[in-house]
Amino acid sequence: MEDITGDMKVAEVLRRCPETVEVFLDRGCPDMRREFFSFMARLMSVRNAARIHKIELGPLLADLNNVAQGVARRPQ
């Protein structure tokens, strides 16, 4: 998988690498695979999701990419 960037849609990240849902959940995002949030995930970039949920983008991207590449994530 190509590197996950802040401009990618959340739904695309979750589709390509379902394991990344745990990163979003651990950081305080709602489960973006369910209900209204699944619709929003198709429209919302990772950058906007981070901003809305007050998450630092750099560490979020690092964790998402680590999971996508099969690298163990650092503890929160």
PDB file of N, CA and C in Angstrom:
ATOM      1  N   MET A   1       0.847  -1.181   0.000  1.00  0.00           N
ATOM      2  CA  MET A   1       0.000   0.000   0.000  1.00  0.00           C
ATOM      3  C   MET A   1       0.889   1.240   0.000  1.00  0.00           C
ATOM      4  N   GLU A   2       0.467   2.249  -0.763  1.00  0.00           N
ATOM      5  CA  GLU A   2       1.187   3.520  -0.762  1.00  0.00           C
ATOM      6  C   GLU A   2       1.069   4.158   0.622  1.00  0.00           C
ATOM      7  N   ASP A   3       1.964   5.082   0.918  1.00  0.00           N
ATOM      8  CA  ASP A   3       1.901   5.755   2.209  1.00  0.00           C
ATOM      9  C   ASP A   3       0.568   6.462   2.380  1.00  0.00           C
ATOM     10  N   ILE A   4       0.066   6.408   3.600  1.00  0.00           N
ATOM     11  CA  ILE A   4      -1.161   7.123   3.946  1.00  0.00           C
ATOM     12  C   ILE A   4      -0.790   8.582   4.168  1.00  0.00           C
ATOM     13  N   THR A   5      -1.555   9.475   3.550  1.00  0.00           N
ATOM     14  CA  THR A   5      -1.297  10.909   3.681  1.00  0.00           C
ATOM     15  C   THR A   5      -2.520  11.593   4.287  1.00  0.00           C
ATOM     16  N   GLY A   6      -2.320  12.814   4.698  1.00  0.00           N
ATOM     17  CA  GLY A   6      -3.412  13.588   5.268  1.00  0.00           C
ATOM     18  C   GLY A   6      -4.509  13.896   4.276  1.00  0.00           C
ATOM     19  N   ASP A   7      -4.205  13.831   2.989  1.00  0.00           N
ATOM     20  CA  ASP A   7      -5.196  14.153   1.963  1.00  0.00           C
ATOM     21  C   ASP A   7      -6.059  12.972   1.556  1.00  0.00           C
ATOM     22  N   MET A   8      -5.710  11.780   2.001  1.00  0.00           N
ATOM     23  CA  MET A   8      -6.507  10.592   1.656  1.00  0.00           C
ATOM     24  C   MET A   8      -7.813  10.610   2.439  1.00  0.00           C
ATOM     25  N   LYS A   9      -8.848  10.080   1.827  1.00  0.00           N
ATOM     26  CA  LYS A   9     -10.137   9.945   2.505  1.00  0.00           C
ATOM     27  C   LYS A   9     -10.043   8.828   3.548  1.00  0.00           C
ATOM     28  N   VAL A  10     -10.692   9.038   4.675  1.00  0.00           N
ATOM     29  CA  VAL A  10     -10.676   8.047   5.752  1.00  0.00           C
ATOM     30  C   VAL A  10     -11.211   6.712   5.251  1.00  0.00           C
ATOM     31  N   ALA A  11     -12.289   6.735   4.480  1.00  0.00           N
ATOM     32  CA  ALA A  11     -12.877   5.487   3.975  1.00  0.00           C
ATOM     33  C   ALA A  11     -11.889   4.711   3.114  1.00  0.00           C
ATOM     34  N   GLU A  12     -11.086   5.414   2.324  1.00  0.00           N
ATOM     35  CA  GLU A  12     -10.089   4.755   1.483  1.00  0.00           C
ATOM     36  C   GLU A  12      -9.026   4.073   2.339  1.00  0.00           C
ATOM     37  N   VAL A  13      -8.602   4.754   3.396  1.00  0.00           N
ATOM     38  CA  VAL A  13      -7.614   4.172   4.316  1.00  0.00           C
ATOM     39  C   VAL A  13      -8.190   2.909   4.947  1.00  0.00           C
ATOM     40  N   LEU A  14      -9.431   2.985   5.425  1.00  0.00           N
ATOM     41  CA  LEU A  14     -10.063   1.830   6.073  1.00  0.00           C
ATOM     42  C   LEU A  14     -10.300   0.692   5.084  1.00  0.00           C
ATOM     43  N   ARG A  15     -10.624   1.019   3.844  1.00  0.00           N
ATOM     44  CA  ARG A  15     -10.848  -0.028   2.837  1.00  0.00           C
ATOM     45  C   ARG A  15      -9.551  -0.743   2.500  1.00  0.00           C
ATOM     46  N   ARG A  16      -8.487   0.024   2.312  1.00  0.00           N
ATOM     47  CA  ARG A  16      -7.203  -0.572   1.934  1.00  0.00           C
ATOM     48  C   ARG A  16      -6.545  -1.326   3.084  1.00  0.00           C
ATOM     49  N   CYS A  17      -6.753  -0.836   4.289  1.00  0.00           N
ATOM     50  CA  CYS A  17      -6.107  -1.469   5.446  1.00  0.00           C
ATOM     51  C   CYS A  17      -7.061  -1.417   6.640  1.00  0.00           C
ATOM     52  N   PRO A  18      -7.965  -2.381   6.749  1.00  0.00           N
ATOM     53  CA  PRO A  18      -8.977  -2.373   7.804  1.00  0.00           C
ATOM     54  C   PRO A  18      -8.403  -2.299   9.225  1.00  0.00           C
ATOM     55  N   GLU A  19      -7.171  -2.770   9.400  1.00  0.00           N
ATOM     56  CA  GLU A  19      -6.561  -2.751  10.730  1.00  0.00           C
ATOM     57  C   GLU A  19      -6.353  -1.336  11.260  1.00  0.00           C
ATOM     58  N   THR A  20      -6.353  -0.345  10.365  1.00  0.00           N
ATOM     59  CA  THR A  20      -6.137   1.035  10.804  1.00  0.00           C
ATOM     60  C   THR A  20      -7.297   1.578  11.634  1.00  0.00           C
ATOM     61  N   VAL A  21      -8.441   0.896  11.605  1.00  0.00           N
ATOM     62  CA  VAL A  21      -9.568   1.367  12.418  1.00  0.00           C
ATOM     63  C   VAL A  21      -9.170   1.460  13.889  1.00  0.00           C
ATOM     64  N   GLU A  22      -8.325   0.559  14.347  1.00  0.00           N
ATOM     65  CA  GLU A  22      -7.893   0.575  15.748  1.00  0.00           C
ATOM     66  C   GLU A  22      -7.119   1.846  16.075  1.00  0.00           C
ATOM     67  N   VAL A  23      -6.345   2.351  15.132  1.00  0.00           N
ATOM     68  CA  VAL A  23      -5.605   3.603  15.348  1.00  0.00           C
ATOM     69  C   VAL A  23      -6.595   4.742  15.548  1.00  0.00           C
ATOM     70  N   PHE A  24      -7.567   4.836  14.657  1.00  0.00           N
ATOM     71  CA  PHE A  24      -8.568   5.895  14.787  1.00  0.00           C
ATOM     72  C   PHE A  24      -9.323   5.781  16.111  1.00  0.00           C
ATOM     73  N   LEU A  25      -9.755   4.575  16.460  1.00  0.00           N
ATOM     74  CA  LEU A  25     -10.505   4.374  17.697  1.00  0.00           C
ATOM     75  C   LEU A  25      -9.658   4.698  18.931  1.00  0.00           C
ATOM     76  N   ASP A  26      -8.405   4.249  18.938  1.00  0.00           N
ATOM     77  CA  ASP A  26      -7.517   4.520  20.069  1.00  0.00           C
ATOM     78  C   ASP A  26      -7.277   6.006  20.269  1.00  0.00           C
ATOM     79  N   ARG A  27      -7.367   6.766  19.204  1.00  0.00           N
ATOM     80  CA  ARG A  27      -7.120   8.214  19.277  1.00  0.00           C
ATOM     81  C   ARG A  27      -8.391   9.004  19.568  1.00  0.00           C
ATOM     82  N   GLY A  28      -9.517   8.323  19.716  1.00  0.00           N
ATOM     83  CA  GLY A  28     -10.747   9.010  20.108  1.00  0.00           C
ATOM     84  C   GLY A  28     -11.738   9.294  19.000  1.00  0.00           C
ATOM     85  N   CYS A  29     -11.502   8.760  17.820  1.00  0.00           N
ATOM     86  CA  CYS A  29     -12.465   8.931  16.730  1.00  0.00           C
ATOM     87  C   CYS A  29     -13.597   7.917  16.908  1.00  0.00           C
ATOM     88  N   PRO A  30     -14.791   8.259  16.431  1.00  0.00           N
ATOM     89  CA  PRO A  30     -15.871   7.266  16.445  1.00  0.00           C
ATOM     90  C   PRO A  30     -15.561   6.167  15.426  1.00  0.00           C
ATOM     91  N   ASP A  31     -16.286   5.081  15.505  1.00  0.00           N
ATOM     92  CA  ASP A  31     -16.102   3.993  14.546  1.00  0.00           C
ATOM     93  C   ASP A  31     -16.641   4.452  13.197  1.00  0.00           C
ATOM     94  N   MET A  32     -15.742   4.812  12.308  1.00  0.00           N
ATOM     95  CA  MET A  32     -16.125   5.395  11.029  1.00  0.00           C
ATOM     96  C   MET A  32     -16.575   4.357  10.011  1.00  0.00           C
ATOM     97  N   ARG A  33     -16.767   3.131  10.463  1.00  0.00           N
ATOM     98  CA  ARG A  33     -17.313   2.101   9.580  1.00  0.00           C
ATOM     99  C   ARG A  33     -18.820   1.974   9.770  1.00  0.00           C
ATOM    100  N   ARG A  34     -19.385   2.681  10.727  1.00  0.00           N
ATOM    101  CA  ARG A  34     -20.775   2.472  11.120  1.00  0.00           C
ATOM    102  C   ARG A  34     -21.633   3.727  10.942  1.00  0.00           C
ATOM    103  N   GLU A  35     -22.884   3.490  10.629  1.00  0.00           N
ATOM    104  CA  GLU A  35     -23.940   4.489  10.600  1.00  0.00           C
ATOM    105  C   GLU A  35     -23.534   5.745   9.835  1.00  0.00           C
ATOM    106  N   PHE A  36     -23.883   6.899  10.365  1.00  0.00           N
ATOM    107  CA  PHE A  36     -23.620   8.179   9.714  1.00  0.00           C
ATOM    108  C   PHE A  36     -22.131   8.389   9.462  1.00  0.00           C
ATOM    109  N   PHE A  37     -21.302   7.886  10.360  1.00  0.00           N
ATOM    110  CA  PHE A  37     -19.857   8.096  10.241  1.00  0.00           C
ATOM    111  C   PHE A  37     -19.284   7.421   8.997  1.00  0.00           C
ATOM    112  N   SER A  38     -19.898   6.339   8.541  1.00  0.00           N
ATOM    113  CA  SER A  38     -19.392   5.686   7.322  1.00  0.00           C
ATOM    114  C   SER A  38     -19.604   6.588   6.108  1.00  0.00           C
ATOM    115  N   PHE A  39     -20.688   7.350   6.103  1.00  0.00           N
ATOM    116  CA  PHE A  39     -20.913   8.320   5.039  1.00  0.00           C
ATOM    117  C   PHE A  39     -19.878   9.437   5.122  1.00  0.00           C
ATOM    118  N   MET A  40     -19.655   9.962   6.314  1.00  0.00           N
ATOM    119  CA  MET A  40     -18.698  11.055   6.493  1.00  0.00           C
ATOM    120  C   MET A  40     -17.277  10.618   6.147  1.00  0.00           C
ATOM    121  N   ALA A  41     -16.944   9.368   6.419  1.00  0.00           N
ATOM    122  CA  ALA A  41     -15.595   8.866   6.134  1.00  0.00           C
ATOM    123  C   ALA A  41     -15.291   8.905   4.642  1.00  0.00           C
ATOM    124  N   ARG A  42     -16.324   8.800   3.814  1.00  0.00           N
ATOM    125  CA  ARG A  42     -16.115   8.867   2.363  1.00  0.00           C
ATOM    126  C   ARG A  42     -15.804  10.286   1.904  1.00  0.00           C
ATOM    127  N   LEU A  43     -16.219  11.272   2.677  1.00  0.00           N
ATOM    128  CA  LEU A  43     -16.022  12.672   2.322  1.00  0.00           C
ATOM    129  C   LEU A  43     -14.828  13.310   3.031  1.00  0.00           C
ATOM    130  N   MET A  44     -14.488  12.791   4.202  1.00  0.00           N
ATOM    131  CA  MET A  44     -13.514  13.434   5.081  1.00  0.00           C
ATOM    132  C   MET A  44     -12.098  12.905   4.868  1.00  0.00           C
ATOM    133  N   SER A  45     -11.161  13.832   4.758  1.00  0.00           N
ATOM    134  CA  SER A  45      -9.758  13.442   4.669  1.00  0.00           C
ATOM    135  C   SER A  45      -9.228  13.097   6.053  1.00  0.00           C
ATOM    136  N   VAL A  46      -8.135  12.388   6.081  1.00  0.00           N
ATOM    137  CA  VAL A  46      -7.474  12.068   7.359  1.00  0.00           C
ATOM    138  C   VAL A  46      -7.098  13.373   8.073  1.00  0.00           C
ATOM    139  N   ARG A  47      -6.631  14.354   7.327  1.00  0.00           N
ATOM    140  CA  ARG A  47      -6.259  15.655   7.904  1.00  0.00           C
ATOM    141  C   ARG A  47      -7.457  16.314   8.602  1.00  0.00           C
ATOM    142  N   ASN A  48      -8.605  16.315   7.938  1.00  0.00           N
ATOM    143  CA  ASN A  48      -9.791  16.917   8.544  1.00  0.00           C
ATOM    144  C   ASN A  48     -10.292  16.120   9.745  1.00  0.00           C
ATOM    145  N   ALA A  49     -10.223  14.809   9.664  1.00  0.00           N
ATOM    146  CA  ALA A  49     -10.624  13.986  10.804  1.00  0.00           C
ATOM    147  C   ALA A  49      -9.742  14.298  12.013  1.00  0.00           C
ATOM    148  N   ALA A  50      -8.441  14.441  11.777  1.00  0.00           N
ATOM    149  CA  ALA A  50      -7.527  14.775  12.866  1.00  0.00           C
ATOM    150  C   ALA A  50      -7.875  16.130  13.464  1.00  0.00           C
ATOM    151  N   ARG A  51      -8.135  17.098  12.614  1.00  0.00           N
ATOM    152  CA  ARG A  51      -8.453  18.447  13.092  1.00  0.00           C
ATOM    153  C   ARG A  51      -9.747  18.443  13.901  1.00  0.00           C
ATOM    154  N   ILE A  52     -10.774  17.799  13.391  1.00  0.00           N
ATOM    155  CA  ILE A  52     -12.077  17.766  14.064  1.00  0.00           C
ATOM    156  C   ILE A  52     -11.982  17.083  15.424  1.00  0.00           C
ATOM    157  N   HIS A  53     -11.183  16.027  15.511  1.00  0.00           N
ATOM    158  CA  HIS A  53     -11.085  15.262  16.754  1.00  0.00           C
ATOM    159  C   HIS A  53      -9.889  15.673  17.611  1.00  0.00           C
ATOM    160  N   LYS A  54      -9.248  16.796  17.215  1.00  0.00           N
ATOM    161  CA  LYS A  54      -8.135  17.371  17.987  1.00  0.00           C
ATOM    162  C   LYS A  54      -6.992  16.360  18.194  1.00  0.00           C
ATOM    163  N   ILE A  55      -6.589  15.761  17.076  1.00  0.00           N
ATOM    164  CA  ILE A  55      -5.512  14.770  17.070  1.00  0.00           C
ATOM    165  C   ILE A  55      -4.358  15.357  16.270  1.00  0.00           C
ATOM    166  N   GLU A  56      -3.149  15.213  16.768  1.00  0.00           N
ATOM    167  CA  GLU A  56      -1.985  15.675  16.013  1.00  0.00           C
ATOM    168  C   GLU A  56      -1.833  14.820  14.758  1.00  0.00           C
ATOM    169  N   LEU A  57      -1.732  15.487  13.619  1.00  0.00           N
ATOM    170  CA  LEU A  57      -1.699  14.772  12.340  1.00  0.00           C
ATOM    171  C   LEU A  57      -0.440  13.925  12.175  1.00  0.00           C
ATOM    172  N   GLY A  58       0.727  14.462  12.521  1.00  0.00           N
ATOM    173  CA  GLY A  58       1.979  13.731  12.315  1.00  0.00           C
ATOM    174  C   GLY A  58       2.007  12.375  13.001  1.00  0.00           C
ATOM    175  N   PRO A  59       1.754  12.326  14.321  1.00  0.00           N
ATOM    176  CA  PRO A  59       1.740  11.022  14.999  1.00  0.00           C
ATOM    177  C   PRO A  59       0.637  10.089  14.490  1.00  0.00           C
ATOM    178  N   LEU A  60      -0.517  10.662  14.124  1.00  0.00           N
ATOM    179  CA  LEU A  60      -1.595   9.837  13.580  1.00  0.00           C
ATOM    180  C   LEU A  60      -1.156   9.172  12.282  1.00  0.00           C
ATOM    181  N   LEU A  61      -0.574   9.954  11.382  1.00  0.00           N
ATOM    182  CA  LEU A  61      -0.094   9.393  10.114  1.00  0.00           C
ATOM    183  C   LEU A  61       0.988   8.356  10.334  1.00  0.00           C
ATOM    184  N   ALA A  62       1.885   8.608  11.289  1.00  0.00           N
ATOM    185  CA  ALA A  62       2.945   7.641  11.581  1.00  0.00           C
ATOM    186  C   ALA A  62       2.341   6.316  12.039  1.00  0.00           C
ATOM    187  N   ASP A  63       1.362   6.384  12.946  1.00  0.00           N
ATOM    188  CA  ASP A  63       0.730   5.153  13.433  1.00  0.00           C
ATOM    189  C   ASP A  63      -0.049   4.450  12.330  1.00  0.00           C
ATOM    190  N   LEU A  64      -0.784   5.213  11.527  1.00  0.00           N
ATOM    191  CA  LEU A  64      -1.542   4.597  10.422  1.00  0.00           C
ATOM    192  C   LEU A  64      -0.608   3.891   9.451  1.00  0.00           C
ATOM    193  N   ASN A  65       0.497   4.546   9.103  1.00  0.00           N
ATOM    194  CA  ASN A  65       1.449   3.939   8.172  1.00  0.00           C
ATOM    195  C   ASN A  65       2.151   2.737   8.777  1.00  0.00           C
ATOM    196  N   ASN A  66       2.457   2.789  10.065  1.00  0.00           N
ATOM    197  CA  ASN A  66       3.072   1.636  10.721  1.00  0.00           C
ATOM    198  C   ASN A  66       2.151   0.426  10.669  1.00  0.00           C
ATOM    199  N   VAL A  67       0.878   0.644  10.967  1.00  0.00           N
ATOM    200  CA  VAL A  67      -0.090  -0.460  10.915  1.00  0.00           C
ATOM    201  C   VAL A  67      -0.230  -0.963   9.478  1.00  0.00           C
ATOM    202  N   ALA A  68      -0.319  -0.056   8.531  1.00  0.00           N
ATOM    203  CA  ALA A  68      -0.478  -0.443   7.128  1.00  0.00           C
ATOM    204  C   ALA A  68       0.720  -1.239   6.626  1.00  0.00           C
ATOM    205  N   GLN A  69       1.896  -0.962   7.171  1.00  0.00           N
ATOM    206  CA  GLN A  69       3.111  -1.661   6.754  1.00  0.00           C
ATOM    207  C   GLN A  69       3.428  -2.859   7.646  1.00  0.00           C
ATOM    208  N   GLY A  70       2.538  -3.134   8.596  1.00  0.00           N
ATOM    209  CA  GLY A  70       2.721  -4.293   9.462  1.00  0.00           C
ATOM    210  C   GLY A  70       3.733  -4.100  10.576  1.00  0.00           C
ATOM    211  N   VAL A  71       4.042  -2.841  10.892  1.00  0.00           N
ATOM    212  CA  VAL A  71       4.985  -2.529  11.967  1.00  0.00           C
ATOM    213  C   VAL A  71       4.197  -2.339  13.243  1.00  0.00           C
ATOM    214  N   ALA A  72       4.722  -2.846  14.344  1.00  0.00           N
ATOM    215  CA  ALA A  72       4.054  -2.681  15.629  1.00  0.00           C
ATOM    216  C   ALA A  72       3.922  -1.199  15.969  1.00  0.00           C
ATOM    217  N   ARG A  73       2.763  -0.835  16.456  1.00  0.00           N
ATOM    218  CA  ARG A  73       2.481   0.544  16.816  1.00  0.00           C
ATOM    219  C   ARG A  73       3.064   0.863  18.180  1.00  0.00           C
ATOM    220  N   ARG A  74       3.505   2.111  18.349  1.00  0.00           N
ATOM    221  CA  ARG A  74       4.015   2.521  19.652  1.00  0.00           C
ATOM    222  C   ARG A  74       2.851   2.748  20.597  1.00  0.00           C
ATOM    223  N   PRO A  75       3.043   2.481  21.885  1.00  0.00           N
ATOM    224  CA  PRO A  75       1.933   2.658  22.842  1.00  0.00           C
ATOM    225  C   PRO A  75       1.543   4.122  22.974  1.00  0.00           C
ATOM    226  N   GLN A  76       0.260   4.352  23.287  1.00  0.00           N
ATOM    227  CA  GLN A  76      -0.255   5.715  23.483  1.00  0.00           C
ATOM    228  C   GLN A  76       0.193   6.266  24.802  1.00  0.00           C
TER     229      GLN A  76
END
